[in-house]
Amino acid sequence: MQYQDIRGDMDKYWPALNAGMHNEDFWWHEWTGHGSCQKEFQPHDYYKKAIKLKNDISPLNILQDANIFPGSSNPYTQKAIFKAFENVLGIGNKIWLTCHKKNGHFLLREVVVARRLEGTGSQSSSQ
């Protein structure tokens, strides 16, 4: 990746979490799947915006503010998780949850928030 000005933030805040996938491959996947559909940004702009959104919208902080804590033995409902995000982001944003089943329990794996980019008709995702 040639964007050395944001490389450190990309590695820190947006790493590839799939085993065997390199960060650069993951970022390119995100750009081609989510960022390239709009014409206002180039990949560098998209990556900078993704980092800004991640810092502005911290899923972990949103959940903790709603008394939802990772690793807790208490189960949380999908409705409670959605409500936590709606309380902070408003109901106009699209929110997706990805879960997987492990040992008979569903675990939250990913939170995706689609937001309109300022000055565009496009949406961007923050995870």
N, C-alpha and C. Protein backbone atom coordinates (compact mmCIF):
# COMPACT_ATOMS: atom_id res chain seq x y z
N MET A 1 0.86 -1.19 0.00
CA MET A 1 0.00 0.00 0.00
C MET A 1 0.89 1.22 0.00
N GLN A 2 0.66 2.14 -0.90
CA GLN A 2 1.52 3.31 -1.04
C GLN A 2 1.13 4.47 -0.14
N TYR A 3 0.16 4.33 0.71
CA TYR A 3 -0.35 5.43 1.52
C TYR A 3 0.34 5.45 2.88
N GLN A 4 1.60 5.79 2.89
CA GLN A 4 2.38 5.74 4.12
C GLN A 4 1.87 6.70 5.19
N ASP A 5 1.20 7.78 4.79
CA ASP A 5 0.69 8.74 5.77
C ASP A 5 -0.42 8.17 6.65
N ILE A 6 -1.09 7.12 6.17
CA ILE A 6 -2.17 6.52 6.97
C ILE A 6 -1.92 5.05 7.28
N ARG A 7 -0.80 4.52 6.84
CA ARG A 7 -0.52 3.09 7.00
C ARG A 7 -0.58 2.65 8.46
N GLY A 8 0.02 3.41 9.36
CA GLY A 8 0.01 3.05 10.78
C GLY A 8 -1.40 2.96 11.34
N ASP A 9 -2.24 3.93 10.99
CA ASP A 9 -3.63 3.91 11.45
C ASP A 9 -4.40 2.75 10.83
N MET A 10 -4.12 2.46 9.57
CA MET A 10 -4.79 1.35 8.90
C MET A 10 -4.44 0.03 9.59
N ASP A 11 -3.16 -0.17 9.87
CA ASP A 11 -2.74 -1.40 10.54
C ASP A 11 -3.36 -1.51 11.93
N LYS A 12 -3.45 -0.39 12.63
CA LYS A 12 -3.96 -0.39 14.00
C LYS A 12 -5.48 -0.54 14.06
N TYR A 13 -6.19 0.24 13.26
CA TYR A 13 -7.64 0.32 13.38
C TYR A 13 -8.43 -0.53 12.40
N TRP A 14 -7.80 -1.03 11.34
CA TRP A 14 -8.54 -1.76 10.33
C TRP A 14 -7.75 -2.97 9.84
N PRO A 15 -7.35 -3.85 10.77
CA PRO A 15 -6.56 -5.02 10.36
C PRO A 15 -7.44 -6.11 9.75
N ALA A 16 -6.81 -6.94 8.95
CA ALA A 16 -7.50 -8.14 8.44
C ALA A 16 -7.59 -9.13 9.59
N LEU A 17 -8.78 -9.59 9.88
CA LEU A 17 -8.96 -10.52 11.00
C LEU A 17 -9.08 -11.96 10.54
N ASN A 18 -9.18 -12.19 9.24
CA ASN A 18 -9.24 -13.55 8.73
C ASN A 18 -7.85 -14.15 8.69
N ALA A 19 -7.70 -15.33 9.23
CA ALA A 19 -6.40 -15.99 9.25
C ALA A 19 -5.85 -16.13 7.84
N GLY A 20 -4.61 -15.77 7.66
CA GLY A 20 -3.95 -15.92 6.37
C GLY A 20 -4.18 -14.77 5.41
N MET A 21 -5.04 -13.81 5.73
CA MET A 21 -5.28 -12.68 4.83
C MET A 21 -4.39 -11.51 5.25
N HIS A 22 -3.71 -10.94 4.28
CA HIS A 22 -2.85 -9.79 4.54
C HIS A 22 -3.71 -8.53 4.59
N ASN A 23 -3.27 -7.55 5.40
CA ASN A 23 -4.02 -6.30 5.52
C ASN A 23 -4.29 -5.67 4.17
N GLU A 24 -3.27 -5.61 3.31
CA GLU A 24 -3.45 -4.96 2.00
C GLU A 24 -4.53 -5.64 1.18
N ASP A 25 -4.60 -6.95 1.23
CA ASP A 25 -5.64 -7.68 0.49
C ASP A 25 -7.02 -7.37 1.05
N PHE A 26 -7.12 -7.30 2.37
CA PHE A 26 -8.38 -6.97 3.01
C PHE A 26 -8.82 -5.56 2.63
N TRP A 27 -7.91 -4.60 2.71
CA TRP A 27 -8.26 -3.23 2.38
C TRP A 27 -8.70 -3.12 0.93
N TRP A 28 -8.02 -3.78 0.03
CA TRP A 28 -8.41 -3.74 -1.38
C TRP A 28 -9.80 -4.36 -1.56
N HIS A 29 -10.06 -5.44 -0.84
CA HIS A 29 -11.40 -6.05 -0.88
C HIS A 29 -12.45 -5.05 -0.41
N GLU A 30 -12.20 -4.32 0.65
CA GLU A 30 -13.15 -3.32 1.16
C GLU A 30 -13.36 -2.20 0.14
N TRP A 31 -12.27 -1.75 -0.47
CA TRP A 31 -12.38 -0.69 -1.48
C TRP A 31 -13.21 -1.15 -2.67
N THR A 32 -12.88 -2.33 -3.22
CA THR A 32 -13.58 -2.79 -4.41
C THR A 32 -15.02 -3.16 -4.11
N GLY A 33 -15.30 -3.62 -2.89
CA GLY A 33 -16.66 -4.02 -2.54
C GLY A 33 -17.54 -2.91 -2.02
N HIS A 34 -16.92 -1.86 -1.45
CA HIS A 34 -17.72 -0.83 -0.79
C HIS A 34 -17.37 0.59 -1.21
N GLY A 35 -16.13 0.85 -1.49
CA GLY A 35 -15.72 2.22 -1.78
C GLY A 35 -15.75 2.62 -3.23
N SER A 36 -15.51 1.67 -4.12
CA SER A 36 -15.37 2.01 -5.54
C SER A 36 -16.70 2.34 -6.21
N CYS A 37 -17.83 2.12 -5.52
CA CYS A 37 -19.13 2.38 -6.15
C CYS A 37 -19.45 3.87 -6.22
N GLN A 38 -18.71 4.69 -5.52
CA GLN A 38 -18.94 6.14 -5.58
C GLN A 38 -17.77 6.78 -6.32
N LYS A 39 -18.01 7.92 -6.91
CA LYS A 39 -17.00 8.55 -7.77
C LYS A 39 -16.25 9.69 -7.09
N GLU A 40 -16.69 10.10 -5.89
CA GLU A 40 -16.10 11.25 -5.24
C GLU A 40 -14.75 10.97 -4.61
N PHE A 41 -14.44 9.70 -4.33
CA PHE A 41 -13.23 9.35 -3.62
C PHE A 41 -12.38 8.37 -4.40
N GLN A 42 -11.08 8.49 -4.20
CA GLN A 42 -10.12 7.50 -4.65
C GLN A 42 -9.84 6.60 -3.44
N PRO A 43 -9.13 5.47 -3.64
CA PRO A 43 -8.89 4.58 -2.50
C PRO A 43 -8.30 5.29 -1.28
N HIS A 44 -7.32 6.15 -1.46
CA HIS A 44 -6.70 6.84 -0.32
C HIS A 44 -7.74 7.64 0.46
N ASP A 45 -8.61 8.36 -0.25
CA ASP A 45 -9.66 9.14 0.41
C ASP A 45 -10.61 8.22 1.17
N TYR A 46 -10.96 7.10 0.55
CA TYR A 46 -11.87 6.15 1.18
C TYR A 46 -11.27 5.58 2.46
N TYR A 47 -9.98 5.21 2.40
CA TYR A 47 -9.33 4.65 3.59
C TYR A 47 -9.25 5.69 4.71
N LYS A 48 -8.94 6.94 4.36
CA LYS A 48 -8.89 8.00 5.37
C LYS A 48 -10.27 8.19 6.01
N LYS A 49 -11.31 8.16 5.18
CA LYS A 49 -12.68 8.32 5.68
C LYS A 49 -13.06 7.14 6.57
N ALA A 50 -12.66 5.95 6.20
CA ALA A 50 -12.97 4.76 7.01
C ALA A 50 -12.34 4.87 8.40
N ILE A 51 -11.10 5.34 8.47
CA ILE A 51 -10.42 5.51 9.76
C ILE A 51 -11.14 6.59 10.57
N LYS A 52 -11.52 7.68 9.93
CA LYS A 52 -12.24 8.75 10.64
C LYS A 52 -13.56 8.23 11.19
N LEU A 53 -14.30 7.48 10.38
CA LEU A 53 -15.57 6.93 10.84
C LEU A 53 -15.35 5.95 12.00
N LYS A 54 -14.31 5.16 11.91
CA LYS A 54 -14.02 4.22 12.99
C LYS A 54 -13.77 4.97 14.29
N ASN A 55 -13.04 6.08 14.20
CA ASN A 55 -12.75 6.87 15.39
C ASN A 55 -13.98 7.62 15.88
N ASP A 56 -14.83 8.06 14.96
CA ASP A 56 -16.05 8.77 15.33
C ASP A 56 -17.12 7.83 15.88
N ILE A 57 -17.17 6.63 15.32
CA ILE A 57 -18.17 5.64 15.71
C ILE A 57 -17.43 4.43 16.26
N SER A 58 -17.26 4.36 17.53
CA SER A 58 -16.58 3.23 18.14
C SER A 58 -17.63 2.20 18.56
N PRO A 59 -17.75 1.11 17.81
CA PRO A 59 -18.75 0.10 18.18
C PRO A 59 -18.57 -0.40 19.62
N LEU A 60 -17.35 -0.61 20.03
CA LEU A 60 -17.12 -1.09 21.39
C LEU A 60 -17.63 -0.10 22.43
N ASN A 61 -17.35 1.19 22.24
CA ASN A 61 -17.84 2.20 23.18
C ASN A 61 -19.36 2.28 23.18
N ILE A 62 -19.96 2.19 22.00
CA ILE A 62 -21.42 2.23 21.90
C ILE A 62 -22.04 1.07 22.68
N LEU A 63 -21.48 -0.12 22.52
CA LEU A 63 -22.01 -1.27 23.23
C LEU A 63 -21.79 -1.15 24.74
N GLN A 64 -20.60 -0.72 25.14
CA GLN A 64 -20.32 -0.60 26.57
C GLN A 64 -21.19 0.47 27.23
N ASP A 65 -21.46 1.56 26.52
CA ASP A 65 -22.35 2.60 27.05
C ASP A 65 -23.77 2.08 27.26
N ALA A 66 -24.12 1.02 26.53
CA ALA A 66 -25.45 0.39 26.68
C ALA A 66 -25.37 -0.82 27.62
N ASN A 67 -24.27 -0.91 28.37
CA ASN A 67 -24.06 -2.03 29.31
C ASN A 67 -24.03 -3.39 28.62
N ILE A 68 -23.45 -3.40 27.42
CA ILE A 68 -23.22 -4.64 26.68
C ILE A 68 -21.71 -4.81 26.61
N PHE A 69 -21.20 -5.89 27.20
CA PHE A 69 -19.76 -6.07 27.32
C PHE A 69 -19.31 -7.37 26.67
N PRO A 70 -18.27 -7.30 25.82
CA PRO A 70 -17.74 -8.52 25.20
C PRO A 70 -17.22 -9.47 26.28
N GLY A 71 -17.42 -10.74 26.06
CA GLY A 71 -16.90 -11.74 26.97
C GLY A 71 -17.77 -11.96 28.20
N SER A 72 -18.83 -11.21 28.31
CA SER A 72 -19.73 -11.37 29.46
C SER A 72 -20.45 -12.71 29.36
N SER A 73 -20.75 -13.28 30.50
CA SER A 73 -21.50 -14.54 30.49
C SER A 73 -23.00 -14.29 30.28
N ASN A 74 -23.40 -13.03 30.32
CA ASN A 74 -24.80 -12.68 30.08
C ASN A 74 -25.07 -12.62 28.58
N PRO A 75 -26.11 -13.29 28.11
CA PRO A 75 -26.45 -13.15 26.69
C PRO A 75 -27.15 -11.82 26.43
N TYR A 76 -26.95 -11.28 25.24
CA TYR A 76 -27.59 -10.04 24.82
C TYR A 76 -28.42 -10.33 23.59
N THR A 77 -29.56 -9.66 23.51
CA THR A 77 -30.44 -9.89 22.36
C THR A 77 -29.99 -9.02 21.19
N GLN A 78 -30.35 -9.46 20.01
CA GLN A 78 -30.09 -8.68 18.80
C GLN A 78 -30.76 -7.32 18.92
N LYS A 79 -31.97 -7.31 19.46
CA LYS A 79 -32.71 -6.06 19.63
C LYS A 79 -31.95 -5.08 20.52
N ALA A 80 -31.35 -5.56 21.60
CA ALA A 80 -30.59 -4.69 22.51
C ALA A 80 -29.37 -4.11 21.80
N ILE A 81 -28.72 -4.90 20.98
CA ILE A 81 -27.54 -4.42 20.25
C ILE A 81 -27.96 -3.37 19.23
N PHE A 82 -29.01 -3.65 18.46
CA PHE A 82 -29.50 -2.65 17.50
C PHE A 82 -29.89 -1.35 18.19
N LYS A 83 -30.58 -1.46 19.32
CA LYS A 83 -31.03 -0.29 20.05
C LYS A 83 -29.85 0.55 20.52
N ALA A 84 -28.78 -0.10 20.95
CA ALA A 84 -27.59 0.64 21.38
C ALA A 84 -27.07 1.52 20.25
N PHE A 85 -27.02 0.98 19.04
CA PHE A 85 -26.53 1.75 17.90
C PHE A 85 -27.53 2.82 17.47
N GLU A 86 -28.80 2.49 17.47
CA GLU A 86 -29.81 3.48 17.09
C GLU A 86 -29.84 4.66 18.05
N ASN A 87 -29.62 4.40 19.34
CA ASN A 87 -29.60 5.49 20.32
C ASN A 87 -28.49 6.49 20.05
N VAL A 88 -27.38 6.02 19.53
CA VAL A 88 -26.24 6.90 19.26
C VAL A 88 -26.27 7.46 17.84
N LEU A 89 -26.58 6.60 16.88
CA LEU A 89 -26.47 6.98 15.47
C LEU A 89 -27.77 7.46 14.85
N GLY A 90 -28.88 7.20 15.51
CA GLY A 90 -30.18 7.52 14.93
C GLY A 90 -30.69 6.36 14.11
N ILE A 91 -31.97 6.38 13.82
CA ILE A 91 -32.57 5.24 13.13
C ILE A 91 -32.42 5.32 11.61
N GLY A 92 -31.85 6.40 11.08
CA GLY A 92 -31.69 6.54 9.64
C GLY A 92 -30.51 5.79 9.07
N ASN A 93 -29.65 5.25 9.91
CA ASN A 93 -28.48 4.50 9.43
C ASN A 93 -28.83 3.03 9.29
N LYS A 94 -28.20 2.39 8.32
CA LYS A 94 -28.39 0.95 8.15
C LYS A 94 -27.34 0.24 9.00
N ILE A 95 -27.80 -0.72 9.79
CA ILE A 95 -26.91 -1.44 10.69
C ILE A 95 -27.09 -2.93 10.42
N TRP A 96 -25.97 -3.64 10.24
CA TRP A 96 -25.99 -5.08 10.06
C TRP A 96 -25.13 -5.71 11.14
N LEU A 97 -25.58 -6.84 11.63
CA LEU A 97 -24.81 -7.62 12.60
C LEU A 97 -24.48 -8.96 11.97
N THR A 98 -23.26 -9.40 12.14
CA THR A 98 -22.85 -10.72 11.69
C THR A 98 -22.48 -11.52 12.93
N CYS A 99 -23.09 -12.66 13.07
CA CYS A 99 -22.82 -13.53 14.22
C CYS A 99 -22.38 -14.90 13.70
N HIS A 100 -21.72 -15.65 14.56
CA HIS A 100 -21.43 -17.04 14.24
C HIS A 100 -21.69 -17.89 15.48
N LYS A 101 -21.97 -19.14 15.25
CA LYS A 101 -22.33 -20.03 16.34
C LYS A 101 -21.10 -20.81 16.79
N LYS A 102 -20.88 -20.81 18.10
CA LYS A 102 -19.74 -21.55 18.66
C LYS A 102 -20.20 -22.17 19.96
N ASN A 103 -20.02 -23.47 20.07
CA ASN A 103 -20.40 -24.21 21.27
C ASN A 103 -21.85 -23.94 21.68
N GLY A 104 -22.73 -23.85 20.69
CA GLY A 104 -24.14 -23.66 20.97
C GLY A 104 -24.55 -22.23 21.26
N HIS A 105 -23.62 -21.30 21.18
CA HIS A 105 -23.92 -19.89 21.46
C HIS A 105 -23.63 -19.06 20.22
N PHE A 106 -24.44 -18.04 20.00
CA PHE A 106 -24.19 -17.10 18.90
C PHE A 106 -23.31 -15.99 19.42
N LEU A 107 -22.24 -15.71 18.70
CA LEU A 107 -21.28 -14.68 19.08
C LEU A 107 -21.28 -13.57 18.04
N LEU A 108 -21.27 -12.34 18.49
CA LEU A 108 -21.21 -11.19 17.59
C LEU A 108 -19.83 -11.14 16.96
N ARG A 109 -19.79 -11.13 15.65
CA ARG A 109 -18.51 -11.14 14.93
C ARG A 109 -18.21 -9.78 14.30
N GLU A 110 -19.25 -9.11 13.81
CA GLU A 110 -19.02 -7.88 13.06
C GLU A 110 -20.23 -6.98 13.16
N VAL A 111 -19.97 -5.69 13.24
CA VAL A 111 -21.02 -4.67 13.17
C VAL A 111 -20.70 -3.80 11.97
N VAL A 112 -21.65 -3.64 11.07
CA VAL A 112 -21.46 -2.80 9.90
C VAL A 112 -22.49 -1.68 9.96
N VAL A 113 -22.02 -0.46 9.82
CA VAL A 113 -22.89 0.71 9.81
C VAL A 113 -22.71 1.40 8.46
N ALA A 114 -23.79 1.56 7.72
CA ALA A 114 -23.74 2.27 6.45
C ALA A 114 -24.25 3.68 6.69
N ARG A 115 -23.42 4.66 6.33
CA ARG A 115 -23.77 6.06 6.53
C ARG A 115 -23.59 6.81 5.22
N ARG A 116 -24.36 7.85 5.04
CA ARG A 116 -24.18 8.72 3.88
C ARG A 116 -22.92 9.56 4.09
N LEU A 117 -22.12 9.62 3.05
CA LEU A 117 -20.94 10.49 3.09
C LEU A 117 -21.37 11.92 2.89
N GLU A 118 -20.77 12.85 3.62
CA GLU A 118 -21.12 14.25 3.49
C GLU A 118 -20.88 14.72 2.05
N GLY A 119 -21.87 15.38 1.50
CA GLY A 119 -21.71 15.96 0.17
C GLY A 119 -21.88 14.97 -0.96
N THR A 120 -22.30 13.73 -0.66
CA THR A 120 -22.45 12.75 -1.73
C THR A 120 -23.77 12.03 -1.54
N GLY A 121 -24.13 11.28 -2.53
CA GLY A 121 -25.28 10.40 -2.42
C GLY A 121 -24.86 8.98 -2.08
N SER A 122 -23.58 8.80 -1.78
CA SER A 122 -23.04 7.46 -1.55
C SER A 122 -23.06 7.11 -0.08
N GLN A 123 -22.95 5.81 0.16
CA GLN A 123 -22.87 5.33 1.54
C GLN A 123 -21.49 4.74 1.77
N SER A 124 -21.06 4.81 3.01
CA SER A 124 -19.80 4.22 3.40
C SER A 124 -20.05 3.32 4.60
N SER A 125 -19.27 2.28 4.74
CA SER A 125 -19.42 1.36 5.85
C SER A 125 -18.30 1.52 6.84
N SER A 126 -18.67 1.39 8.09
CA SER A 126 -17.70 1.40 9.17
C SER A 126 -17.87 0.13 9.97
N GLN A 127 -16.72 -0.55 10.26
CA GLN A 127 -16.83 -1.81 10.98
C GLN A 127 -16.04 -1.76 12.24
